[in-house]
């Protein structure tokens, strides 16, 4: 395991992205433990998770999936609610939320969720950011998003806003998520102009992540600021969701003059 502070700290660690479809597998079975086991097997120290429910509805048995996964995996949690409904008796009086999460073995210094534009009034999407201390003297801004699935116009506006938000970062950036478009889609150009694509940098094969039962599309990504060394991107086979998890190893550059 990568140790976040002190001791013999490994310079590289694994990051990942996984659209879990509220833990509904390709067999239509709801199984959070299967999702947790899939994440565990990837060896990721930090993972961005999309389509996560918190007391949302009967589709996920009103469970707090984000907290359950964080507890089960013994990882810190940041959650971004992009959809929210009023509490009900079935939700135990808890607000009903759906969105994205960051699960991290590193110390989480701060987090924020920003709602993204939806010019055609599509489903609300967001950008969830967490600043992580990955070793003494080194931090990274880890972000995850899930762009609109059925509108290039909305993805264009959302990708541009994500680029603007992350451009202000003082830390090197790792952006992961389900972007719902191929790498050559025009709407993703602002992101690919600024960040390196892990699969392009070192992937072998097609990198398809969707649909899980017979993947034929590359729409899930690990992107990183220039200067971050990205190696060993891997797509992991699992029936736990309709997407496959994607991971890559990253090394964060040591700040000039920073502690060894």
Protein backbone atom coordinates (compact mmCIF):
# COMPACT_ATOMS: atom_id res chain seq x y z
CA UNK A 1 0.00 0.00 0.00
CA UNK A 2 1.23 3.52 -0.75
CA UNK A 3 1.76 5.34 2.54
CA UNK A 4 0.66 8.99 2.40
CA UNK A 5 2.97 10.47 5.02
CA UNK A 6 6.35 9.54 6.46
CA UNK A 7 8.37 6.36 6.14
CA UNK A 8 9.47 4.72 2.91
CA UNK A 9 7.02 6.48 0.60
CA UNK A 10 6.66 5.06 -2.87
CA UNK A 11 6.99 7.76 -5.54
CA UNK A 12 4.21 6.31 -7.69
CA UNK A 13 0.64 5.43 -6.78
CA UNK A 14 -2.44 4.21 -8.62
CA UNK A 15 -5.46 6.34 -9.44
CA UNK A 16 -8.70 5.21 -11.00
CA UNK A 17 -12.13 6.05 -12.31
CA UNK A 18 -15.27 3.94 -12.15
CA UNK A 19 -18.86 4.61 -13.17
CA UNK A 20 -20.65 2.18 -10.83
CA UNK A 21 -24.25 2.68 -12.08
CA UNK A 22 -25.48 2.72 -8.46
CA UNK A 23 -23.94 -0.78 -8.03
CA UNK A 24 -26.18 -2.45 -10.61
CA UNK A 25 -24.18 -5.04 -12.53
CA UNK A 26 -24.55 -6.35 -16.05
CA UNK A 27 -26.68 -9.11 -14.54
CA UNK A 28 -28.99 -6.37 -13.11
CA UNK A 29 -28.05 -7.45 -9.58
CA UNK A 30 -27.52 -4.71 -7.01
CA UNK A 31 -24.30 -5.51 -5.14
CA UNK A 32 -22.17 -2.89 -3.39
CA UNK A 33 -19.76 -5.50 -2.09
CA UNK A 34 -19.01 -6.50 -5.67
CA UNK A 35 -18.23 -2.85 -6.48
CA UNK A 36 -15.98 -2.55 -3.41
CA UNK A 37 -14.14 -5.75 -4.31
CA UNK A 38 -13.62 -4.53 -7.88
CA UNK A 39 -12.12 -1.26 -6.62
CA UNK A 40 -9.97 -3.13 -4.12
CA UNK A 41 -8.56 -5.41 -6.80
CA UNK A 42 -7.42 -2.44 -8.91
CA UNK A 43 -5.05 -1.38 -6.13
CA UNK A 44 -6.07 2.26 -6.54
CA UNK A 45 -5.11 4.64 -3.74
CA UNK A 46 -7.51 7.26 -5.11
CA UNK A 47 -10.58 6.67 -7.25
CA UNK A 48 -13.24 8.90 -8.74
CA UNK A 49 -16.66 7.24 -8.72
CA UNK A 50 -19.67 8.29 -10.77
CA UNK A 51 -23.40 7.48 -10.46
CA UNK A 52 -23.26 7.10 -6.69
CA UNK A 53 -26.49 7.20 -4.66
CA UNK A 54 -27.02 8.48 -1.11
CA UNK A 55 -30.48 7.47 0.14
CA UNK A 56 -31.66 8.14 -3.42
CA UNK A 57 -34.42 5.63 -4.18
CA UNK A 58 -35.49 2.00 -4.23
CA UNK A 59 -33.13 1.36 -7.15
CA UNK A 60 -30.29 1.36 -4.60
CA UNK A 61 -32.42 0.38 -1.59
CA UNK A 62 -32.07 3.93 -0.21
CA UNK A 63 -28.52 3.06 0.88
CA UNK A 64 -25.80 5.63 1.49
CA UNK A 65 -23.57 4.07 -1.11
CA UNK A 66 -20.80 6.66 -0.84
CA UNK A 67 -20.35 6.23 2.90
CA UNK A 68 -20.73 2.44 2.69
CA UNK A 69 -17.91 2.22 0.15
CA UNK A 70 -15.67 4.59 2.13
CA UNK A 71 -16.19 2.55 5.30
CA UNK A 72 -15.77 -0.80 3.57
CA UNK A 73 -12.58 0.29 1.78
CA UNK A 74 -11.23 2.33 4.72
CA UNK A 75 -10.81 5.40 2.52
CA UNK A 76 -11.53 9.08 3.05
CA UNK A 77 -14.62 10.38 1.26
CA UNK A 78 -15.66 13.49 -0.61
CA UNK A 79 -19.10 13.53 -2.20
CA UNK A 80 -20.63 15.87 -4.74
CA UNK A 81 -24.43 15.94 -4.95
CA UNK A 82 -25.52 16.88 -8.46
CA UNK A 83 -29.13 15.75 -8.04
CA UNK A 84 -31.11 16.19 -4.83
CA UNK A 85 -34.67 15.36 -3.76
CA UNK A 86 -36.58 15.94 -0.55
CA UNK A 87 -36.32 13.35 2.25
CA UNK A 88 -38.99 10.69 2.59
CA UNK A 89 -39.85 8.10 5.18
CA UNK A 90 -38.23 5.48 2.95
CA UNK A 91 -34.98 7.46 2.97
CA UNK A 92 -35.03 7.57 6.76
CA UNK A 93 -35.54 11.32 6.68
CA UNK A 94 -32.22 11.79 4.88
CA UNK A 95 -31.89 14.03 1.80
CA UNK A 96 -31.90 11.96 -1.38
CA UNK A 97 -28.79 12.65 -3.42
CA UNK A 98 -27.03 11.31 -6.48
CA UNK A 99 -23.64 12.35 -7.80
CA UNK A 100 -19.93 11.62 -7.74
CA UNK A 101 -17.42 10.67 -5.08
CA UNK A 102 -13.70 10.67 -4.43
CA UNK A 103 -12.37 7.81 -2.31
CA UNK A 104 -8.81 8.31 -1.09
CA UNK A 105 -6.18 6.62 1.08
CA UNK A 106 -4.37 9.93 1.20
CA UNK A 107 -5.15 12.78 3.53
CA UNK A 108 -7.88 14.99 2.03
CA UNK A 109 -7.17 18.64 2.78
CA UNK A 110 -10.26 20.17 1.19
CA UNK A 111 -12.96 19.43 -1.36
CA UNK A 112 -15.63 21.23 -3.36
CA UNK A 113 -18.34 20.36 -5.87
CA UNK A 114 -19.32 22.78 -8.64
CA UNK A 115 -22.45 22.32 -10.73
CA UNK A 116 -21.77 22.44 -14.45
CA UNK A 117 -23.78 24.26 -17.15
CA UNK A 118 -26.67 22.51 -18.88
CA UNK A 119 -27.68 24.83 -21.75
CA UNK A 120 -30.24 22.35 -23.07
CA UNK A 121 -31.63 21.60 -19.58
CA UNK A 122 -30.20 18.09 -19.47
CA UNK A 123 -29.40 16.21 -16.29
CA UNK A 124 -27.39 18.24 -13.82
CA UNK A 125 -23.69 17.35 -13.79
CA UNK A 126 -20.84 18.52 -11.60
CA UNK A 127 -17.09 18.68 -11.03
CA UNK A 128 -15.91 17.30 -7.69
CA UNK A 129 -12.40 18.33 -6.61
CA UNK A 130 -10.30 17.17 -3.66
CA UNK A 131 -6.85 18.40 -2.68
CA UNK A 132 -4.77 15.47 -1.42
CA UNK A 133 -1.44 15.28 0.38
CA UNK A 134 0.31 12.43 -1.43
CA UNK A 135 3.62 12.73 0.41
CA UNK A 136 5.40 15.24 2.62
CA UNK A 137 5.53 18.51 0.73
CA UNK A 138 3.51 17.31 -2.26
CA UNK A 139 -0.17 17.82 -2.98
CA UNK A 140 -2.36 17.08 -5.98
CA UNK A 141 -5.81 18.26 -7.02
CA UNK A 142 -7.81 15.15 -7.88
CA UNK A 143 -11.07 15.80 -9.72
CA UNK A 144 -13.84 13.67 -11.13
CA UNK A 145 -16.76 14.43 -13.42
CA UNK A 146 -19.49 12.78 -15.48
CA UNK A 147 -20.44 14.69 -18.62
CA UNK A 148 -23.85 14.63 -20.30
CA UNK A 149 -24.48 11.41 -22.19
CA UNK A 150 -26.85 12.54 -24.95
CA UNK A 151 -25.82 16.06 -25.98
CA UNK A 152 -22.56 17.21 -27.56
CA UNK A 153 -23.65 20.81 -26.95
CA UNK A 154 -23.94 20.20 -23.21
CA UNK A 155 -20.64 18.31 -23.10
CA UNK A 156 -19.01 21.24 -24.91
CA UNK A 157 -20.21 23.71 -22.27
CA UNK A 158 -19.35 21.33 -19.43
CA UNK A 159 -15.85 20.51 -20.68
CA UNK A 160 -15.09 24.20 -21.12
CA UNK A 161 -16.25 24.95 -17.57
CA UNK A 162 -14.22 22.06 -16.15
CA UNK A 163 -11.15 23.44 -17.93
CA UNK A 164 -11.78 26.91 -16.48
CA UNK A 165 -12.27 25.64 -12.95
CA UNK A 166 -9.15 23.50 -12.93
CA UNK A 167 -7.00 26.16 -14.62
CA UNK A 168 -6.97 28.06 -11.32
CA UNK A 169 -5.41 25.13 -9.44
CA UNK A 170 -2.15 25.76 -7.63
CA UNK A 171 -1.58 22.02 -7.50
CA UNK A 172 -0.91 19.61 -10.37
CA UNK A 173 -4.21 18.14 -11.55
CA UNK A 174 -5.47 14.62 -12.12
CA UNK A 175 -8.90 14.58 -13.75
CA UNK A 176 -10.81 11.32 -14.09
CA UNK A 177 -14.31 10.43 -15.12
CA UNK A 178 -16.91 9.32 -17.58
CA UNK A 179 -16.76 11.95 -20.33
CA UNK A 180 -19.31 10.17 -22.54
CA UNK A 181 -17.33 10.89 -25.72
CA UNK A 182 -14.49 9.42 -27.75
CA UNK A 183 -11.03 11.04 -27.49
CA UNK A 184 -11.40 12.75 -30.88
CA UNK A 185 -14.75 14.37 -30.01
CA UNK A 186 -14.49 18.15 -30.61
CA UNK A 187 -16.15 18.92 -27.28
CA UNK A 188 -13.24 17.34 -25.39
CA UNK A 189 -10.59 19.46 -27.13
CA UNK A 190 -10.20 21.98 -24.24
CA UNK A 191 -9.39 19.11 -21.87
CA UNK A 192 -6.99 17.32 -24.21
CA UNK A 193 -5.24 20.61 -25.02
CA UNK A 194 -4.40 21.05 -21.33
CA UNK A 195 -4.01 17.51 -19.96
CA UNK A 196 -2.25 14.31 -20.99
CA UNK A 197 -4.42 11.26 -21.62
CA UNK A 198 -3.10 8.24 -19.70
CA UNK A 199 -4.17 5.77 -22.37
CA UNK A 200 -2.49 7.73 -25.15
CA UNK A 201 0.65 8.00 -23.02
CA UNK A 202 1.04 4.31 -22.26
CA UNK A 203 -1.99 2.18 -22.99
CA UNK A 204 -1.89 -1.08 -24.92
CA UNK A 205 -4.92 -2.04 -26.96
CA UNK A 206 -8.14 -0.12 -27.46
CA UNK A 207 -8.84 1.01 -23.89
CA UNK A 208 -12.56 0.36 -24.25
CA UNK A 209 -14.51 0.66 -20.99
CA UNK A 210 -18.16 0.50 -22.10
CA UNK A 211 -20.40 -1.48 -22.19
CA UNK A 212 -18.88 -3.85 -19.67
CA UNK A 213 -20.23 -7.06 -21.20
CA UNK A 214 -18.75 -6.30 -24.64
CA UNK A 215 -16.70 -3.08 -24.55
CA UNK A 216 -16.57 -1.10 -27.78
CA UNK A 217 -16.18 2.53 -26.64
CA UNK A 218 -13.46 4.54 -24.90
CA UNK A 219 -15.35 7.10 -22.82
CA UNK A 220 -13.73 6.81 -19.36
CA UNK A 221 -10.46 8.65 -18.78
CA UNK A 222 -7.51 9.41 -16.55
CA UNK A 223 -6.07 12.81 -17.52
CA UNK A 224 -3.10 14.52 -15.87
CA UNK A 225 -1.22 17.81 -15.90
CA UNK A 226 1.98 17.84 -17.97
CA UNK A 227 4.83 16.96 -15.64
CA UNK A 228 2.90 14.21 -13.88
CA UNK A 229 4.39 10.91 -15.01
CA UNK A 230 1.61 8.52 -16.05
CA UNK A 231 2.27 4.84 -16.68
CA UNK A 232 0.53 1.47 -16.84
CA UNK A 233 -3.07 2.40 -17.71
CA UNK A 234 -5.23 -0.69 -17.27
CA UNK A 235 -8.89 -1.49 -17.93
CA UNK A 236 -10.12 -4.03 -15.38
CA UNK A 237 -12.68 -6.69 -16.29
CA UNK A 238 -15.61 -7.00 -13.88
CA UNK A 239 -19.39 -7.51 -14.21
CA UNK A 240 -20.16 -5.20 -11.26
CA UNK A 241 -21.39 -2.24 -13.39
CA UNK A 242 -22.12 -1.37 -17.01
CA UNK A 243 -18.71 0.39 -17.16
CA UNK A 244 -15.27 -1.08 -16.49
CA UNK A 245 -12.89 0.60 -14.05
CA UNK A 246 -9.78 2.26 -15.49
CA UNK A 247 -6.58 2.86 -13.52
CA UNK A 248 -3.12 4.30 -14.13
CA UNK A 249 0.03 4.74 -12.08
CA UNK A 250 1.09 8.35 -11.51
CA UNK A 251 4.13 10.09 -10.05
CA UNK A 252 3.69 13.66 -8.81
CA UNK A 253 6.69 15.92 -9.43
CA UNK A 254 8.45 17.06 -6.28
CA UNK A 255 8.21 20.83 -5.84
CA UNK A 256 11.51 22.57 -6.53
CA UNK A 257 13.38 22.77 -3.27
CA UNK A 258 10.76 20.59 -1.53
CA UNK A 259 11.61 18.06 1.18
CA UNK A 260 13.03 14.72 0.19
